[in-house]
Amino acid sequence: MARKVVQTDLDDEYRLLKKATEKRGITIKAGLREAILQWVSTQIPVSEGPLFKLEPVRTGVKTDSSNLDGALYREKA
């Protein structure tokens, strides 16, 4: 995808952004990218996320989920 340059006017937002990015030791550009990604992720319903688009894979291996807790948490039967 081609890069896009986005331009906008900020007032108090710029002062807050500058303070936050200086505190974290990152550039304003990096802070804006991070903020945009975080905001966009809150606008997309979870059901539309890539995790829900995965199809099950048939491996041919039979599993028994009744023993899953024991295997995960090293519990004895």
PDB file of N, CA and C in Angstrom:
ATOM      1  N   MET A   1       0.836  -1.177   0.000  1.00  0.00           N
ATOM      2  CA  MET A   1       0.000   0.000   0.000  1.00  0.00           C
ATOM      3  C   MET A   1       0.881   1.241   0.000  1.00  0.00           C
ATOM      4  N   ALA A   2       0.488   2.235  -0.746  1.00  0.00           N
ATOM      5  CA  ALA A   2       1.259   3.474  -0.836  1.00  0.00           C
ATOM      6  C   ALA A   2       1.164   4.263   0.467  1.00  0.00           C
ATOM      7  N   ARG A   3       2.241   4.920   0.786  1.00  0.00           N
ATOM      8  CA  ARG A   3       2.242   5.776   1.978  1.00  0.00           C
ATOM      9  C   ARG A   3       1.387   7.002   1.723  1.00  0.00           C
ATOM     10  N   LYS A   4       0.744   7.480   2.758  1.00  0.00           N
ATOM     11  CA  LYS A   4      -0.076   8.682   2.686  1.00  0.00           C
ATOM     12  C   LYS A   4       0.424   9.676   3.708  1.00  0.00           C
ATOM     13  N   VAL A   5       0.408  10.932   3.326  1.00  0.00           N
ATOM     14  CA  VAL A   5       0.741  12.007   4.253  1.00  0.00           C
ATOM     15  C   VAL A   5      -0.576  12.617   4.705  1.00  0.00           C
ATOM     16  N   VAL A   6      -0.745  12.705   6.023  1.00  0.00           N
ATOM     17  CA  VAL A   6      -1.976  13.254   6.587  1.00  0.00           C
ATOM     18  C   VAL A   6      -1.627  14.538   7.321  1.00  0.00           C
ATOM     19  N   GLN A   7      -2.407  15.566   7.053  1.00  0.00           N
ATOM     20  CA  GLN A   7      -2.153  16.857   7.666  1.00  0.00           C
ATOM     21  C   GLN A   7      -3.392  17.297   8.420  1.00  0.00           C
ATOM     22  N   THR A   8      -3.205  17.852   9.618  1.00  0.00           N
ATOM     23  CA  THR A   8      -4.337  18.344  10.399  1.00  0.00           C
ATOM     24  C   THR A   8      -3.879  19.460  11.320  1.00  0.00           C
ATOM     25  N   ASP A   9      -4.831  20.170  11.878  1.00  0.00           N
ATOM     26  CA  ASP A   9      -4.539  21.231  12.839  1.00  0.00           C
ATOM     27  C   ASP A   9      -4.819  20.718  14.242  1.00  0.00           C
ATOM     28  N   LEU A  10      -3.889  20.941  15.142  1.00  0.00           N
ATOM     29  CA  LEU A  10      -4.053  20.536  16.533  1.00  0.00           C
ATOM     30  C   LEU A  10      -3.849  21.737  17.435  1.00  0.00           C
ATOM     31  N   ASP A  11      -4.544  21.751  18.537  1.00  0.00           N
ATOM     32  CA  ASP A  11      -4.364  22.818  19.529  1.00  0.00           C
ATOM     33  C   ASP A  11      -3.786  22.192  20.789  1.00  0.00           C
ATOM     34  N   ASP A  12      -4.609  22.019  21.815  1.00  0.00           N
ATOM     35  CA  ASP A  12      -4.138  21.400  23.058  1.00  0.00           C
ATOM     36  C   ASP A  12      -3.676  19.964  22.841  1.00  0.00           C
ATOM     37  N   GLU A  13      -4.245  19.300  21.825  1.00  0.00           N
ATOM     38  CA  GLU A  13      -3.846  17.920  21.539  1.00  0.00           C
ATOM     39  C   GLU A  13      -2.355  17.825  21.249  1.00  0.00           C
ATOM     40  N   TYR A  14      -1.813  18.815  20.553  1.00  0.00           N
ATOM     41  CA  TYR A  14      -0.394  18.783  20.206  1.00  0.00           C
ATOM     42  C   TYR A  14       0.469  18.881  21.454  1.00  0.00           C
ATOM     43  N   ARG A  15       0.089  19.757  22.355  1.00  0.00           N
ATOM     44  CA  ARG A  15       0.851  19.923  23.598  1.00  0.00           C
ATOM     45  C   ARG A  15       0.838  18.621  24.397  1.00  0.00           C
ATOM     46  N   LEU A  16      -0.322  17.980  24.499  1.00  0.00           N
ATOM     47  CA  LEU A  16      -0.427  16.721  25.230  1.00  0.00           C
ATOM     48  C   LEU A  16       0.359  15.610  24.534  1.00  0.00           C
ATOM     49  N   LEU A  17       0.271  15.565  23.212  1.00  0.00           N
ATOM     50  CA  LEU A  17       1.004  14.568  22.435  1.00  0.00           C
ATOM     51  C   LEU A  17       2.508  14.749  22.604  1.00  0.00           C
ATOM     52  N   LYS A  18       2.962  15.972  22.512  1.00  0.00           N
ATOM     53  CA  LYS A  18       4.395  16.242  22.650  1.00  0.00           C
ATOM     54  C   LYS A  18       4.902  15.834  24.027  1.00  0.00           C
ATOM     55  N   LYS A  19       4.135  16.162  25.055  1.00  0.00           N
ATOM     56  CA  LYS A  19       4.522  15.801  26.421  1.00  0.00           C
ATOM     57  C   LYS A  19       4.593  14.279  26.585  1.00  0.00           C
ATOM     58  N   ALA A  20       3.594  13.578  26.072  1.00  0.00           N
ATOM     59  CA  ALA A  20       3.550  12.123  26.197  1.00  0.00           C
ATOM     60  C   ALA A  20       4.684  11.453  25.423  1.00  0.00           C
ATOM     61  N   THR A  21       4.961  11.933  24.207  1.00  0.00           N
ATOM     62  CA  THR A  21       6.024  11.309  23.409  1.00  0.00           C
ATOM     63  C   THR A  21       7.406  11.595  23.997  1.00  0.00           C
ATOM     64  N   GLU A  22       7.599  12.789  24.523  1.00  0.00           N
ATOM     65  CA  GLU A  22       8.883  13.100  25.163  1.00  0.00           C
ATOM     66  C   GLU A  22       9.099  12.209  26.383  1.00  0.00           C
ATOM     67  N   LYS A  23       8.034  11.988  27.143  1.00  0.00           N
ATOM     68  CA  LYS A  23       8.122  11.150  28.335  1.00  0.00           C
ATOM     69  C   LYS A  23       8.504   9.720  27.968  1.00  0.00           C
ATOM     70  N   ARG A  24       7.982   9.227  26.848  1.00  0.00           N
ATOM     71  CA  ARG A  24       8.289   7.859  26.399  1.00  0.00           C
ATOM     72  C   ARG A  24       9.552   7.778  25.562  1.00  0.00           C
ATOM     73  N   GLY A  25      10.084   8.925  25.164  1.00  0.00           N
ATOM     74  CA  GLY A  25      11.306   8.928  24.370  1.00  0.00           C
ATOM     75  C   GLY A  25      11.091   8.497  22.932  1.00  0.00           C
ATOM     76  N   ILE A  26       9.917   8.801  22.384  1.00  0.00           N
ATOM     77  CA  ILE A  26       9.634   8.472  20.990  1.00  0.00           C
ATOM     78  C   ILE A  26       9.301   9.757  20.226  1.00  0.00           C
ATOM     79  N   THR A  27       9.324   9.662  18.920  1.00  0.00           N
ATOM     80  CA  THR A  27       9.013  10.826  18.104  1.00  0.00           C
ATOM     81  C   THR A  27       7.503  11.057  18.063  1.00  0.00           C
ATOM     82  N   ILE A  28       7.124  12.265  17.694  1.00  0.00           N
ATOM     83  CA  ILE A  28       5.708  12.590  17.539  1.00  0.00           C
ATOM     84  C   ILE A  28       5.110  11.711  16.442  1.00  0.00           C
ATOM     85  N   LYS A  29       5.865  11.484  15.383  1.00  0.00           N
ATOM     86  CA  LYS A  29       5.392  10.620  14.295  1.00  0.00           C
ATOM     87  C   LYS A  29       5.078   9.219  14.803  1.00  0.00           C
ATOM     88  N   ALA A  30       5.979   8.649  15.614  1.00  0.00           N
ATOM     89  CA  ALA A  30       5.756   7.313  16.171  1.00  0.00           C
ATOM     90  C   ALA A  30       4.560   7.320  17.124  1.00  0.00           C
ATOM     91  N   GLY A  31       4.430   8.375  17.910  1.00  0.00           N
ATOM     92  CA  GLY A  31       3.309   8.491  18.832  1.00  0.00           C
ATOM     93  C   GLY A  31       1.975   8.572  18.104  1.00  0.00           C
ATOM     94  N   LEU A  32       1.951   9.332  17.016  1.00  0.00           N
ATOM     95  CA  LEU A  32       0.722   9.435  16.225  1.00  0.00           C
ATOM     96  C   LEU A  32       0.357   8.108  15.581  1.00  0.00           C
ATOM     97  N   ARG A  33       1.345   7.419  15.031  1.00  0.00           N
ATOM     98  CA  ARG A  33       1.068   6.107  14.420  1.00  0.00           C
ATOM     99  C   ARG A  33       0.512   5.137  15.454  1.00  0.00           C
ATOM    100  N   GLU A  34       1.126   5.121  16.635  1.00  0.00           N
ATOM    101  CA  GLU A  34       0.669   4.239  17.702  1.00  0.00           C
ATOM    102  C   GLU A  34      -0.759   4.596  18.125  1.00  0.00           C
ATOM    103  N   ALA A  35      -1.035   5.888  18.255  1.00  0.00           N
ATOM    104  CA  ALA A  35      -2.373   6.334  18.663  1.00  0.00           C
ATOM    105  C   ALA A  35      -3.415   5.964  17.613  1.00  0.00           C
ATOM    106  N   ILE A  36      -3.071   6.116  16.351  1.00  0.00           N
ATOM    107  CA  ILE A  36      -4.011   5.781  15.274  1.00  0.00           C
ATOM    108  C   ILE A  36      -4.310   4.286  15.276  1.00  0.00           C
ATOM    109  N   LEU A  37      -3.270   3.456  15.388  1.00  0.00           N
ATOM    110  CA  LEU A  37      -3.480   2.006  15.411  1.00  0.00           C
ATOM    111  C   LEU A  37      -4.345   1.585  16.595  1.00  0.00           C
ATOM    112  N   GLN A  38      -4.089   2.193  17.753  1.00  0.00           N
ATOM    113  CA  GLN A  38      -4.884   1.860  18.934  1.00  0.00           C
ATOM    114  C   GLN A  38      -6.333   2.282  18.734  1.00  0.00           C
ATOM    115  N   TRP A  39      -6.570   3.473  18.215  1.00  0.00           N
ATOM    116  CA  TRP A  39      -7.932   3.958  17.992  1.00  0.00           C
ATOM    117  C   TRP A  39      -8.658   3.087  16.969  1.00  0.00           C
ATOM    118  N   VAL A  40      -7.994   2.794  15.862  1.00  0.00           N
ATOM    119  CA  VAL A  40      -8.623   1.982  14.820  1.00  0.00           C
ATOM    120  C   VAL A  40      -9.001   0.613  15.374  1.00  0.00           C
ATOM    121  N   SER A  41      -8.151   0.033  16.205  1.00  0.00           N
ATOM    122  CA  SER A  41      -8.441  -1.296  16.751  1.00  0.00           C
ATOM    123  C   SER A  41      -9.690  -1.287  17.627  1.00  0.00           C
ATOM    124  N   THR A  42     -10.042  -0.149  18.195  1.00  0.00           N
ATOM    125  CA  THR A  42     -11.257  -0.076  19.010  1.00  0.00           C
ATOM    126  C   THR A  42     -12.502   0.138  18.155  1.00  0.00           C
ATOM    127  N   GLN A  43     -12.332   0.443  16.895  1.00  0.00           N
ATOM    128  CA  GLN A  43     -13.465   0.720  16.016  1.00  0.00           C
ATOM    129  C   GLN A  43     -13.930  -0.505  15.237  1.00  0.00           C
ATOM    130  N   ILE A  44     -13.122  -1.547  15.235  1.00  0.00           N
ATOM    131  CA  ILE A  44     -13.448  -2.765  14.488  1.00  0.00           C
ATOM    132  C   ILE A  44     -14.002  -3.797  15.469  1.00  0.00           C
ATOM    133  N   PRO A  45     -15.216  -4.303  15.231  1.00  0.00           N
ATOM    134  CA  PRO A  45     -15.769  -5.310  16.145  1.00  0.00           C
ATOM    135  C   PRO A  45     -14.865  -6.543  16.226  1.00  0.00           C
ATOM    136  N   VAL A  46     -14.795  -7.122  17.407  1.00  0.00           N
ATOM    137  CA  VAL A  46     -13.956  -8.299  17.629  1.00  0.00           C
ATOM    138  C   VAL A  46     -14.303  -9.407  16.637  1.00  0.00           C
ATOM    139  N   SER A  47     -15.576  -9.539  16.334  1.00  0.00           N
ATOM    140  CA  SER A  47     -16.006 -10.615  15.432  1.00  0.00           C
ATOM    141  C   SER A  47     -15.445 -10.464  14.020  1.00  0.00           C
ATOM    142  N   GLU A  48     -14.973  -9.270  13.663  1.00  0.00           N
ATOM    143  CA  GLU A  48     -14.385  -9.051  12.343  1.00  0.00           C
ATOM    144  C   GLU A  48     -12.870  -9.207  12.350  1.00  0.00           C
ATOM    145  N   GLY A  49     -12.302  -9.524  13.507  1.00  0.00           N
ATOM    146  CA  GLY A  49     -10.855  -9.671  13.620  1.00  0.00           C
ATOM    147  C   GLY A  49     -10.360 -10.899  12.886  1.00  0.00           C
ATOM    148  N   PRO A  50      -9.070 -10.918  12.562  1.00  0.00           N
ATOM    149  CA  PRO A  50      -8.502 -12.025  11.791  1.00  0.00           C
ATOM    150  C   PRO A  50      -8.587 -13.370  12.509  1.00  0.00           C
ATOM    151  N   LEU A  51      -8.612 -13.370  13.824  1.00  0.00           N
ATOM    152  CA  LEU A  51      -8.695 -14.622  14.571  1.00  0.00           C
ATOM    153  C   LEU A  51      -9.976 -15.387  14.236  1.00  0.00           C
ATOM    154  N   PHE A  52     -11.056 -14.658  14.000  1.00  0.00           N
ATOM    155  CA  PHE A  52     -12.338 -15.296  13.721  1.00  0.00           C
ATOM    156  C   PHE A  52     -12.495 -15.699  12.262  1.00  0.00           C
ATOM    157  N   LYS A  53     -11.516 -15.408  11.452  1.00  0.00           N
ATOM    158  CA  LYS A  53     -11.560 -15.794  10.037  1.00  0.00           C
ATOM    159  C   LYS A  53     -10.762 -17.082   9.776  1.00  0.00           C
ATOM    160  N   LEU A  54     -10.110 -17.608  10.806  1.00  0.00           N
ATOM    161  CA  LEU A  54      -9.327 -18.831  10.659  1.00  0.00           C
ATOM    162  C   LEU A  54     -10.243 -20.033  10.494  1.00  0.00           C
ATOM    163  N   GLU A  55      -9.849 -20.915   9.629  1.00  0.00           N
ATOM    164  CA  GLU A  55     -10.585 -22.159   9.419  1.00  0.00           C
ATOM    165  C   GLU A  55      -9.887 -23.275  10.205  1.00  0.00           C
ATOM    166  N   PRO A  56     -10.637 -24.200  10.771  1.00  0.00           N
ATOM    167  CA  PRO A  56     -10.005 -25.308  11.490  1.00  0.00           C
ATOM    168  C   PRO A  56      -9.139 -26.145  10.550  1.00  0.00           C
ATOM    169  N   VAL A  57      -8.067 -26.668  11.095  1.00  0.00           N
ATOM    170  CA  VAL A  57      -7.153 -27.500  10.314  1.00  0.00           C
ATOM    171  C   VAL A  57      -7.316 -28.944  10.775  1.00  0.00           C
ATOM    172  N   ARG A  58      -7.525 -29.820   9.839  1.00  0.00           N
ATOM    173  CA  ARG A  58      -7.641 -31.254  10.141  1.00  0.00           C
ATOM    174  C   ARG A  58      -6.245 -31.862  10.092  1.00  0.00           C
ATOM    175  N   THR A  59      -5.790 -32.358  11.237  1.00  0.00           N
ATOM    176  CA  THR A  59      -4.439 -32.938  11.290  1.00  0.00           C
ATOM    177  C   THR A  59      -4.470 -34.454  11.274  1.00  0.00           C
ATOM    178  N   GLY A  60      -5.631 -35.033  11.523  1.00  0.00           N
ATOM    179  CA  GLY A  60      -5.727 -36.483  11.590  1.00  0.00           C
ATOM    180  C   GLY A  60      -5.372 -37.028  12.963  1.00  0.00           C
ATOM    181  N   VAL A  61      -4.968 -36.151  13.878  1.00  0.00           N
ATOM    182  CA  VAL A  61      -4.608 -36.572  15.228  1.00  0.00           C
ATOM    183  C   VAL A  61      -5.851 -36.437  16.104  1.00  0.00           C
ATOM    184  N   LYS A  62      -6.204 -37.509  16.782  1.00  0.00           N
ATOM    185  CA  LYS A  62      -7.350 -37.470  17.689  1.00  0.00           C
ATOM    186  C   LYS A  62      -6.905 -36.848  19.008  1.00  0.00           C
ATOM    187  N   THR A  63      -7.728 -35.967  19.525  1.00  0.00           N
ATOM    188  CA  THR A  63      -7.407 -35.309  20.788  1.00  0.00           C
ATOM    189  C   THR A  63      -8.506 -35.575  21.801  1.00  0.00           C
ATOM    190  N   ASP A  64      -8.134 -35.459  23.053  1.00  0.00           N
ATOM    191  CA  ASP A  64      -9.080 -35.643  24.143  1.00  0.00           C
ATOM    192  C   ASP A  64      -8.973 -34.416  25.044  1.00  0.00           C
ATOM    193  N   SER A  65      -9.903 -33.498  24.910  1.00  0.00           N
ATOM    194  CA  SER A  65      -9.822 -32.246  25.662  1.00  0.00           C
ATOM    195  C   SER A  65     -10.073 -32.430  27.155  1.00  0.00           C
ATOM    196  N   SER A  66     -10.563 -33.584  27.577  1.00  0.00           N
ATOM    197  CA  SER A  66     -10.808 -33.802  29.005  1.00  0.00           C
ATOM    198  C   SER A  66      -9.506 -33.806  29.805  1.00  0.00           C
ATOM    199  N   ASN A  67      -8.389 -34.055  29.148  1.00  0.00           N
ATOM    200  CA  ASN A  67      -7.092 -34.063  29.827  1.00  0.00           C
ATOM    201  C   ASN A  67      -6.320 -32.757  29.636  1.00  0.00           C
ATOM    202  N   LEU A  68      -6.939 -31.777  29.032  1.00  0.00           N
ATOM    203  CA  LEU A  68      -6.241 -30.540  28.697  1.00  0.00           C
ATOM    204  C   LEU A  68      -5.740 -29.798  29.933  1.00  0.00           C
ATOM    205  N   ASP A  69      -6.580 -29.629  30.955  1.00  0.00           N
ATOM    206  CA  ASP A  69      -6.149 -28.920  32.161  1.00  0.00           C
ATOM    207  C   ASP A  69      -4.950 -29.598  32.808  1.00  0.00           C
ATOM    208  N   GLY A  70      -4.967 -30.906  32.852  1.00  0.00           N
ATOM    209  CA  GLY A  70      -3.851 -31.622  33.430  1.00  0.00           C
ATOM    210  C   GLY A  70      -2.564 -31.378  32.682  1.00  0.00           C
ATOM    211  N   ALA A  71      -2.643 -31.352  31.382  1.00  0.00           N
ATOM    212  CA  ALA A  71      -1.447 -31.121  30.570  1.00  0.00           C
ATOM    213  C   ALA A  71      -0.972 -29.667  30.688  1.00  0.00           C
ATOM    214  N   LEU A  72      -1.913 -28.737  30.719  1.00  0.00           N
ATOM    215  CA  LEU A  72      -1.538 -27.324  30.799  1.00  0.00           C
ATOM    216  C   LEU A  72      -1.018 -26.918  32.165  1.00  0.00           C
ATOM    217  N   TYR A  73      -1.673 -27.402  33.194  1.00  0.00           N
ATOM    218  CA  TYR A  73      -1.356 -26.957  34.556  1.00  0.00           C
ATOM    219  C   TYR A  73      -0.624 -28.016  35.360  1.00  0.00           C
ATOM    220  N   ARG A  74      -0.175 -29.066  34.681  1.00  0.00           N
ATOM    221  CA  ARG A  74       0.582 -30.152  35.312  1.00  0.00           C
ATOM    222  C   ARG A  74      -0.165 -30.735  36.506  1.00  0.00           C
ATOM    223  N   GLU A  75      -1.469 -30.852  36.326  1.00  0.00           N
ATOM    224  CA  GLU A  75      -2.282 -31.456  37.387  1.00  0.00           C
ATOM    225  C   GLU A  75      -2.272 -32.981  37.213  1.00  0.00           C
ATOM    226  N   LYS A  76      -2.284 -33.662  38.306  1.00  0.00           N
ATOM    227  CA  LYS A  76      -2.333 -35.119  38.257  1.00  0.00           C
ATOM    228  C   LYS A  76      -3.789 -35.562  38.248  1.00  0.00           C
ATOM    229  N   ALA A  77      -4.063 -36.571  37.474  1.00  0.00           N
ATOM    230  CA  ALA A  77      -5.439 -37.074  37.357  1.00  0.00           C
ATOM    231  C   ALA A  77      -5.906 -37.735  38.623  1.00  0.00           C
TER     232      ALA A  77
END
